[in-house]
PDB file of N, CA and C in Angstrom:
ATOM      1  N   UNK A   1     -29.906 -25.199  -5.476  1.00  0.00           N
ATOM      2  CA  UNK A   1     -29.233 -23.923  -5.553  1.00  0.00           C
ATOM      3  C   UNK A   1     -28.851 -23.486  -4.138  1.00  0.00           C
ATOM      4  N   UNK A   2     -27.625 -22.944  -3.967  1.00  0.00           N
ATOM      5  CA  UNK A   2     -27.197 -22.559  -2.622  1.00  0.00           C
ATOM      6  C   UNK A   2     -28.012 -21.389  -2.082  1.00  0.00           C
ATOM      7  N   UNK A   3     -28.029 -21.299  -0.775  1.00  0.00           N
ATOM      8  CA  UNK A   3     -28.736 -20.195  -0.122  1.00  0.00           C
ATOM      9  C   UNK A   3     -28.097 -18.866  -0.515  1.00  0.00           C
ATOM     10  N   UNK A   4     -28.871 -17.771  -0.534  1.00  0.00           N
ATOM     11  CA  UNK A   4     -28.333 -16.471  -0.950  1.00  0.00           C
ATOM     12  C   UNK A   4     -27.134 -16.022  -0.120  1.00  0.00           C
ATOM     13  N   UNK A   5     -27.149 -16.275   1.171  1.00  0.00           N
ATOM     14  CA  UNK A   5     -26.029 -15.861   2.009  1.00  0.00           C
ATOM     15  C   UNK A   5     -24.764 -16.610   1.620  1.00  0.00           C
ATOM     16  N   UNK A   6     -24.892 -17.888   1.389  1.00  0.00           N
ATOM     17  CA  UNK A   6     -23.738 -18.691   0.996  1.00  0.00           C
ATOM     18  C   UNK A   6     -23.216 -18.233  -0.361  1.00  0.00           C
ATOM     19  N   UNK A   7     -24.121 -17.958  -1.273  1.00  0.00           N
ATOM     20  CA  UNK A   7     -23.705 -17.499  -2.605  1.00  0.00           C
ATOM     21  C   UNK A   7     -22.943 -16.175  -2.509  1.00  0.00           C
ATOM     22  N   UNK A   8     -23.411 -15.290  -1.677  1.00  0.00           N
ATOM     23  CA  UNK A   8     -22.739 -14.003  -1.494  1.00  0.00           C
ATOM     24  C   UNK A   8     -21.343 -14.167  -0.919  1.00  0.00           C
ATOM     25  N   UNK A   9     -21.199 -15.071   0.036  1.00  0.00           N
ATOM     26  CA  UNK A   9     -19.872 -15.312   0.624  1.00  0.00           C
ATOM     27  C   UNK A   9     -18.937 -15.949  -0.382  1.00  0.00           C
ATOM     28  N   UNK A  10     -19.443 -16.902  -1.161  1.00  0.00           N
ATOM     29  CA  UNK A  10     -18.606 -17.545  -2.179  1.00  0.00           C
ATOM     30  C   UNK A  10     -18.175 -16.541  -3.241  1.00  0.00           C
ATOM     31  N   UNK A  11     -19.102 -15.699  -3.650  1.00  0.00           N
ATOM     32  CA  UNK A  11     -18.793 -14.681  -4.656  1.00  0.00           C
ATOM     33  C   UNK A  11     -17.737 -13.715  -4.130  1.00  0.00           C
ATOM     34  N   UNK A  12     -17.885 -13.280  -2.891  1.00  0.00           N
ATOM     35  CA  UNK A  12     -16.916 -12.353  -2.303  1.00  0.00           C
ATOM     36  C   UNK A  12     -15.551 -13.016  -2.159  1.00  0.00           C
ATOM     37  N   UNK A  13     -15.538 -14.301  -1.807  1.00  0.00           N
ATOM     38  CA  UNK A  13     -14.272 -15.006  -1.638  1.00  0.00           C
ATOM     39  C   UNK A  13     -13.559 -15.195  -2.970  1.00  0.00           C
ATOM     40  N   UNK A  14     -14.314 -15.467  -4.012  1.00  0.00           N
ATOM     41  CA  UNK A  14     -13.699 -15.708  -5.324  1.00  0.00           C
ATOM     42  C   UNK A  14     -13.313 -14.411  -6.033  1.00  0.00           C
ATOM     43  N   UNK A  15     -14.166 -13.429  -5.978  1.00  0.00           N
ATOM     44  CA  UNK A  15     -13.938 -12.196  -6.721  1.00  0.00           C
ATOM     45  C   UNK A  15     -13.251 -11.122  -5.895  1.00  0.00           C
ATOM     46  N   UNK A  16     -13.245 -11.289  -4.611  1.00  0.00           N
ATOM     47  CA  UNK A  16     -12.660 -10.274  -3.744  1.00  0.00           C
ATOM     48  C   UNK A  16     -13.642  -9.147  -3.511  1.00  0.00           C
ATOM     49  N   UNK A  17     -13.694  -8.694  -2.295  1.00  0.00           N
ATOM     50  CA  UNK A  17     -14.644  -7.634  -1.987  1.00  0.00           C
ATOM     51  C   UNK A  17     -13.954  -6.394  -1.441  1.00  0.00           C
ATOM     52  N   UNK A  18     -12.627  -6.401  -1.436  1.00  0.00           N
ATOM     53  CA  UNK A  18     -11.910  -5.236  -0.934  1.00  0.00           C
ATOM     54  C   UNK A  18     -11.895  -4.141  -1.996  1.00  0.00           C
ATOM     55  N   UNK A  19     -12.041  -2.908  -1.556  1.00  0.00           N
ATOM     56  CA  UNK A  19     -11.976  -1.807  -2.523  1.00  0.00           C
ATOM     57  C   UNK A  19     -10.549  -1.635  -3.034  1.00  0.00           C
ATOM     58  N   UNK A  20     -10.429  -1.147  -4.235  1.00  0.00           N
ATOM     59  CA  UNK A  20      -9.117  -0.909  -4.821  1.00  0.00           C
ATOM     60  C   UNK A  20      -8.537   0.353  -4.191  1.00  0.00           C
ATOM     61  N   UNK A  21      -7.305   0.247  -3.700  1.00  0.00           N
ATOM     62  CA  UNK A  21      -6.653   1.379  -3.059  1.00  0.00           C
ATOM     63  C   UNK A  21      -5.919   2.227  -4.086  1.00  0.00           C
ATOM     64  N   UNK A  22      -5.876   3.520  -3.839  1.00  0.00           N
ATOM     65  CA  UNK A  22      -5.093   4.403  -4.697  1.00  0.00           C
ATOM     66  C   UNK A  22      -3.617   4.230  -4.354  1.00  0.00           C
ATOM     67  N   UNK A  23      -2.758   4.802  -5.181  1.00  0.00           N
ATOM     68  CA  UNK A  23      -1.320   4.701  -4.938  1.00  0.00           C
ATOM     69  C   UNK A  23      -0.940   5.332  -3.605  1.00  0.00           C
ATOM     70  N   UNK A  24      -1.541   6.456  -3.305  1.00  0.00           N
ATOM     71  CA  UNK A  24      -1.233   7.144  -2.046  1.00  0.00           C
ATOM     72  C   UNK A  24      -1.721   6.311  -0.862  1.00  0.00           C
ATOM     73  N   UNK A  25      -2.891   5.703  -0.977  1.00  0.00           N
ATOM     74  CA  UNK A  25      -3.405   4.864   0.102  1.00  0.00           C
ATOM     75  C   UNK A  25      -2.520   3.644   0.322  1.00  0.00           C
ATOM     76  N   UNK A  26      -2.029   3.055  -0.761  1.00  0.00           N
ATOM     77  CA  UNK A  26      -1.113   1.914  -0.626  1.00  0.00           C
ATOM     78  C   UNK A  26       0.159   2.332   0.095  1.00  0.00           C
ATOM     79  N   UNK A  27       0.691   3.499  -0.261  1.00  0.00           N
ATOM     80  CA  UNK A  27       1.909   3.989   0.383  1.00  0.00           C
ATOM     81  C   UNK A  27       1.651   4.292   1.858  1.00  0.00           C
ATOM     82  N   UNK A  28       0.507   4.902   2.159  1.00  0.00           N
ATOM     83  CA  UNK A  28       0.167   5.193   3.551  1.00  0.00           C
ATOM     84  C   UNK A  28       0.023   3.907   4.359  1.00  0.00           C
ATOM     85  N   UNK A  29      -0.588   2.894   3.769  1.00  0.00           N
ATOM     86  CA  UNK A  29      -0.747   1.615   4.460  1.00  0.00           C
ATOM     87  C   UNK A  29       0.611   0.963   4.709  1.00  0.00           C
ATOM     88  N   UNK A  30       1.511   1.054   3.735  1.00  0.00           N
ATOM     89  CA  UNK A  30       2.855   0.498   3.894  1.00  0.00           C
ATOM     90  C   UNK A  30       3.583   1.182   5.040  1.00  0.00           C
ATOM     91  N   UNK A  31       3.585   2.511   5.053  1.00  0.00           N
ATOM     92  CA  UNK A  31       4.279   3.262   6.098  1.00  0.00           C
ATOM     93  C   UNK A  31       3.631   3.003   7.459  1.00  0.00           C
ATOM     94  N   UNK A  32       2.312   2.929   7.511  1.00  0.00           N
ATOM     95  CA  UNK A  32       1.620   2.650   8.774  1.00  0.00           C
ATOM     96  C   UNK A  32       2.001   1.272   9.311  1.00  0.00           C
ATOM     97  N   UNK A  33       2.105   0.285   8.425  1.00  0.00           N
ATOM     98  CA  UNK A  33       2.483  -1.062   8.853  1.00  0.00           C
ATOM     99  C   UNK A  33       3.910  -1.087   9.387  1.00  0.00           C
ATOM    100  N   UNK A  34       4.795  -0.368   8.732  1.00  0.00           N
ATOM    101  CA  UNK A  34       6.188  -0.329   9.183  1.00  0.00           C
ATOM    102  C   UNK A  34       6.287   0.422  10.509  1.00  0.00           C
ATOM    103  N   UNK A  35       5.560   1.522  10.646  1.00  0.00           N
ATOM    104  CA  UNK A  35       5.559   2.278  11.902  1.00  0.00           C
ATOM    105  C   UNK A  35       4.983   1.459  13.053  1.00  0.00           C
ATOM    106  N   UNK A  36       4.100   0.526  12.739  1.00  0.00           N
ATOM    107  CA  UNK A  36       3.499  -0.328  13.761  1.00  0.00           C
ATOM    108  C   UNK A  36       4.401  -1.501  14.135  1.00  0.00           C
ATOM    109  N   UNK A  37       5.577  -1.562  13.529  1.00  0.00           N
ATOM    110  CA  UNK A  37       6.521  -2.619  13.887  1.00  0.00           C
ATOM    111  C   UNK A  37       6.720  -3.671  12.823  1.00  0.00           C
ATOM    112  N   UNK A  38       6.092  -3.512  11.679  1.00  0.00           N
ATOM    113  CA  UNK A  38       6.259  -4.483  10.604  1.00  0.00           C
ATOM    114  C   UNK A  38       7.626  -4.372   9.955  1.00  0.00           C
ATOM    115  N   UNK A  39       8.037  -5.449   9.340  1.00  0.00           N
ATOM    116  CA  UNK A  39       9.328  -5.491   8.661  1.00  0.00           C
ATOM    117  C   UNK A  39       9.071  -5.638   7.164  1.00  0.00           C
ATOM    118  N   UNK A  40       9.603  -4.726   6.359  1.00  0.00           N
ATOM    119  CA  UNK A  40       9.401  -4.839   4.907  1.00  0.00           C
ATOM    120  C   UNK A  40      10.224  -5.992   4.346  1.00  0.00           C
ATOM    121  N   UNK A  41       9.555  -6.997   3.817  1.00  0.00           N
ATOM    122  CA  UNK A  41      10.248  -8.176   3.312  1.00  0.00           C
ATOM    123  C   UNK A  41      10.376  -8.192   1.800  1.00  0.00           C
ATOM    124  N   UNK A  42       9.462  -7.557   1.096  1.00  0.00           N
ATOM    125  CA  UNK A  42       9.449  -7.632  -0.354  1.00  0.00           C
ATOM    126  C   UNK A  42       9.895  -6.291  -0.946  1.00  0.00           C
ATOM    127  N   UNK A  43      11.171  -6.210  -1.293  1.00  0.00           N
ATOM    128  CA  UNK A  43      11.728  -4.962  -1.830  1.00  0.00           C
ATOM    129  C   UNK A  43      11.074  -4.590  -3.156  1.00  0.00           C
ATOM    130  N   UNK A  44      10.707  -5.573  -3.955  1.00  0.00           N
ATOM    131  CA  UNK A  44      10.082  -5.289  -5.249  1.00  0.00           C
ATOM    132  C   UNK A  44       8.733  -4.599  -5.059  1.00  0.00           C
ATOM    133  N   UNK A  45       7.986  -5.013  -4.058  1.00  0.00           N
ATOM    134  CA  UNK A  45       6.685  -4.385  -3.794  1.00  0.00           C
ATOM    135  C   UNK A  45       6.876  -2.943  -3.329  1.00  0.00           C
ATOM    136  N   UNK A  46       7.861  -2.712  -2.487  1.00  0.00           N
ATOM    137  CA  UNK A  46       8.140  -1.356  -2.010  1.00  0.00           C
ATOM    138  C   UNK A  46       8.571  -0.474  -3.175  1.00  0.00           C
ATOM    139  N   UNK A  47       9.423  -1.012  -4.042  1.00  0.00           N
ATOM    140  CA  UNK A  47       9.859  -0.256  -5.220  1.00  0.00           C
ATOM    141  C   UNK A  47       8.679   0.056  -6.136  1.00  0.00           C
ATOM    142  N   UNK A  48       7.756  -0.893  -6.278  1.00  0.00           N
ATOM    143  CA  UNK A  48       6.580  -0.669  -7.131  1.00  0.00           C
ATOM    144  C   UNK A  48       5.703   0.447  -6.564  1.00  0.00           C
ATOM    145  N   UNK A  49       5.540   0.472  -5.250  1.00  0.00           N
ATOM    146  CA  UNK A  49       4.756   1.539  -4.622  1.00  0.00           C
ATOM    147  C   UNK A  49       5.444   2.879  -4.839  1.00  0.00           C
ATOM    148  N   UNK A  50       6.767   2.906  -4.673  1.00  0.00           N
ATOM    149  CA  UNK A  50       7.521   4.152  -4.879  1.00  0.00           C
ATOM    150  C   UNK A  50       7.388   4.630  -6.321  1.00  0.00           C
ATOM    151  N   UNK A  51       7.485   3.712  -7.263  1.00  0.00           N
ATOM    152  CA  UNK A  51       7.364   4.090  -8.679  1.00  0.00           C
ATOM    153  C   UNK A  51       5.962   4.598  -8.995  1.00  0.00           C
ATOM    154  N   UNK A  52       4.957   4.008  -8.355  1.00  0.00           N
ATOM    155  CA  UNK A  52       3.588   4.463  -8.609  1.00  0.00           C
ATOM    156  C   UNK A  52       3.365   5.886  -8.089  1.00  0.00           C
ATOM    157  N   UNK A  53       4.205   6.316  -7.148  1.00  0.00           N
ATOM    158  CA  UNK A  53       4.139   7.694  -6.652  1.00  0.00           C
ATOM    159  C   UNK A  53       4.953   8.647  -7.513  1.00  0.00           C
ATOM    160  N   UNK A  54       5.622   8.102  -8.533  1.00  0.00           N
ATOM    161  CA  UNK A  54       6.401   8.937  -9.439  1.00  0.00           C
ATOM    162  C   UNK A  54       7.873   9.019  -9.095  1.00  0.00           C
ATOM    163  N   UNK A  55       8.327   8.194  -8.164  1.00  0.00           N
ATOM    164  CA  UNK A  55       9.738   8.203  -7.785  1.00  0.00           C
ATOM    165  C   UNK A  55      10.528   7.273  -8.693  1.00  0.00           C
ATOM    166  N   UNK A  56      11.751   7.667  -9.005  1.00  0.00           N
ATOM    167  CA  UNK A  56      12.651   6.782  -9.742  1.00  0.00           C
ATOM    168  C   UNK A  56      13.445   5.991  -8.717  1.00  0.00           C
ATOM    169  N   UNK A  57      13.370   4.668  -8.814  1.00  0.00           N
ATOM    170  CA  UNK A  57      13.999   3.810  -7.819  1.00  0.00           C
ATOM    171  C   UNK A  57      14.891   2.801  -8.518  1.00  0.00           C
ATOM    172  N   UNK A  58      16.122   2.726  -8.069  1.00  0.00           N
ATOM    173  CA  UNK A  58      17.047   1.722  -8.581  1.00  0.00           C
ATOM    174  C   UNK A  58      16.737   0.383  -7.923  1.00  0.00           C
ATOM    175  N   UNK A  59      16.951  -0.687  -8.660  1.00  0.00           N
ATOM    176  CA  UNK A  59      16.747  -2.017  -8.080  1.00  0.00           C
ATOM    177  C   UNK A  59      17.801  -2.317  -7.022  1.00  0.00           C
ATOM    178  N   UNK A  60      18.880  -1.542  -7.020  1.00  0.00           N
ATOM    179  CA  UNK A  60      19.959  -1.756  -6.052  1.00  0.00           C
ATOM    180  C   UNK A  60      19.874  -0.802  -4.864  1.00  0.00           C
ATOM    181  N   UNK A  61      18.870   0.057  -4.842  1.00  0.00           N
ATOM    182  CA  UNK A  61      18.723   1.018  -3.746  1.00  0.00           C
ATOM    183  C   UNK A  61      18.330   0.283  -2.465  1.00  0.00           C
ATOM    184  N   UNK A  62      18.923   0.680  -1.339  1.00  0.00           N
ATOM    185  CA  UNK A  62      18.527   0.066  -0.067  1.00  0.00           C
ATOM    186  C   UNK A  62      17.053   0.351   0.245  1.00  0.00           C
ATOM    187  N   UNK A  63      16.390  -0.625   0.837  1.00  0.00           N
ATOM    188  CA  UNK A  63      14.964  -0.504   1.141  1.00  0.00           C
ATOM    189  C   UNK A  63      14.713   0.681   2.074  1.00  0.00           C
ATOM    190  N   UNK A  64      15.589   0.875   3.054  1.00  0.00           N
ATOM    191  CA  UNK A  64      15.387   1.983   3.996  1.00  0.00           C
ATOM    192  C   UNK A  64      15.414   3.335   3.291  1.00  0.00           C
ATOM    193  N   UNK A  65      16.289   3.486   2.305  1.00  0.00           N
ATOM    194  CA  UNK A  65      16.334   4.736   1.542  1.00  0.00           C
ATOM    195  C   UNK A  65      15.040   4.942   0.759  1.00  0.00           C
ATOM    196  N   UNK A  66      14.545   3.872   0.166  1.00  0.00           N
ATOM    197  CA  UNK A  66      13.300   3.960  -0.602  1.00  0.00           C
ATOM    198  C   UNK A  66      12.127   4.308   0.315  1.00  0.00           C
ATOM    199  N   UNK A  67      12.090   3.703   1.497  1.00  0.00           N
ATOM    200  CA  UNK A  67      11.020   4.010   2.448  1.00  0.00           C
ATOM    201  C   UNK A  67      11.065   5.474   2.876  1.00  0.00           C
ATOM    202  N   UNK A  68      12.260   6.004   3.080  1.00  0.00           N
ATOM    203  CA  UNK A  68      12.387   7.415   3.455  1.00  0.00           C
ATOM    204  C   UNK A  68      11.902   8.319   2.324  1.00  0.00           C
ATOM    205  N   UNK A  69      12.201   7.951   1.093  1.00  0.00           N
ATOM    206  CA  UNK A  69      11.731   8.733  -0.055  1.00  0.00           C
ATOM    207  C   UNK A  69      10.210   8.663  -0.175  1.00  0.00           C
ATOM    208  N   UNK A  70       9.624   7.505   0.142  1.00  0.00           N
ATOM    209  CA  UNK A  70       8.160   7.373   0.127  1.00  0.00           C
ATOM    210  C   UNK A  70       7.554   8.276   1.196  1.00  0.00           C
ATOM    211  N   UNK A  71       8.154   8.299   2.378  1.00  0.00           N
ATOM    212  CA  UNK A  71       7.668   9.177   3.451  1.00  0.00           C
ATOM    213  C   UNK A  71       7.674  10.642   3.005  1.00  0.00           C
ATOM    214  N   UNK A  72       8.772  11.057   2.376  1.00  0.00           N
ATOM    215  CA  UNK A  72       8.874  12.438   1.906  1.00  0.00           C
ATOM    216  C   UNK A  72       7.834  12.734   0.828  1.00  0.00           C
ATOM    217  N   UNK A  73       7.619  11.766  -0.067  1.00  0.00           N
ATOM    218  CA  UNK A  73       6.616  11.948  -1.125  1.00  0.00           C
ATOM    219  C   UNK A  73       5.217  12.070  -0.523  1.00  0.00           C
ATOM    220  N   UNK A  74       4.935  11.280   0.509  1.00  0.00           N
ATOM    221  CA  UNK A  74       3.623  11.362   1.155  1.00  0.00           C
ATOM    222  C   UNK A  74       3.435  12.706   1.848  1.00  0.00           C
ATOM    223  N   UNK A  75       4.499  13.252   2.412  1.00  0.00           N
ATOM    224  CA  UNK A  75       4.396  14.569   3.045  1.00  0.00           C
ATOM    225  C   UNK A  75       4.080  15.644   2.015  1.00  0.00           C
ATOM    226  N   UNK A  76       4.618  15.487   0.806  1.00  0.00           N
ATOM    227  CA  UNK A  76       4.335  16.461  -0.249  1.00  0.00           C
ATOM    228  C   UNK A  76       2.908  16.318  -0.770  1.00  0.00           C
ATOM    229  N   UNK A  77       2.418  15.085  -0.828  1.00  0.00           N
ATOM    230  CA  UNK A  77       1.107  14.815  -1.430  1.00  0.00           C
ATOM    231  C   UNK A  77      -0.032  15.094  -0.461  1.00  0.00           C
ATOM    232  N   UNK A  78       0.128  14.689   0.798  1.00  0.00           N
ATOM    233  CA  UNK A  78      -0.953  14.827   1.764  1.00  0.00           C
ATOM    234  C   UNK A  78      -0.635  15.941   2.747  1.00  0.00           C
ATOM    235  N   UNK A  79      -1.557  16.856   2.965  1.00  0.00           N
ATOM    236  CA  UNK A  79      -1.347  17.904   3.968  1.00  0.00           C
ATOM    237  C   UNK A  79      -1.264  17.288   5.366  1.00  0.00           C
ATOM    238  N   UNK A  80      -0.592  17.940   6.306  1.00  0.00           N
ATOM    239  CA  UNK A  80      -0.438  17.373   7.650  1.00  0.00           C
ATOM    240  C   UNK A  80      -1.756  17.187   8.391  1.00  0.00           C
ATOM    241  N   UNK A  81      -2.797  17.943   8.036  1.00  0.00           N
ATOM    242  CA  UNK A  81      -4.078  17.846   8.745  1.00  0.00           C
ATOM    243  C   UNK A  81      -4.962  16.713   8.245  1.00  0.00           C
ATOM    244  N   UNK A  82      -4.623  16.113   7.114  1.00  0.00           N
ATOM    245  CA  UNK A  82      -5.507  15.108   6.524  1.00  0.00           C
ATOM    246  C   UNK A  82      -5.418  13.796   7.290  1.00  0.00           C
ATOM    247  N   UNK A  83      -6.532  13.054   7.375  1.00  0.00           N
ATOM    248  CA  UNK A  83      -6.519  11.759   8.057  1.00  0.00           C
ATOM    249  C   UNK A  83      -5.745  10.732   7.250  1.00  0.00           C
ATOM    250  N   UNK A  84      -5.091   9.834   7.960  1.00  0.00           N
ATOM    251  CA  UNK A  84      -4.315   8.779   7.311  1.00  0.00           C
ATOM    252  C   UNK A  84      -4.956   7.441   7.604  1.00  0.00           C
ATOM    253  N   UNK A  85      -4.527   6.420   6.885  1.00  0.00           N
ATOM    254  CA  UNK A  85      -5.067   5.075   7.099  1.00  0.00           C
ATOM    255  C   UNK A  85      -4.666   4.528   8.433  1.00  0.00           C
TER     256      UNK A  85
END
């Protein structure tokens, strides 16, 4: 039988040990990554995040427009004093 430490690492690797993020946390992480210089490559993922925030998004909408709408939605949802990811 494997050592307990090894078993714990294997279990975490197979099942995942990251906490599930809320829709707002996912949107905050997306905006933080883009603000840090990241480039949004997957438009479908961005649209899914926008839809999870309650936004109606066309599949033909430019990604930059969708990102701006996500920013506005986050401003409405989170007060300016609250900590962000």
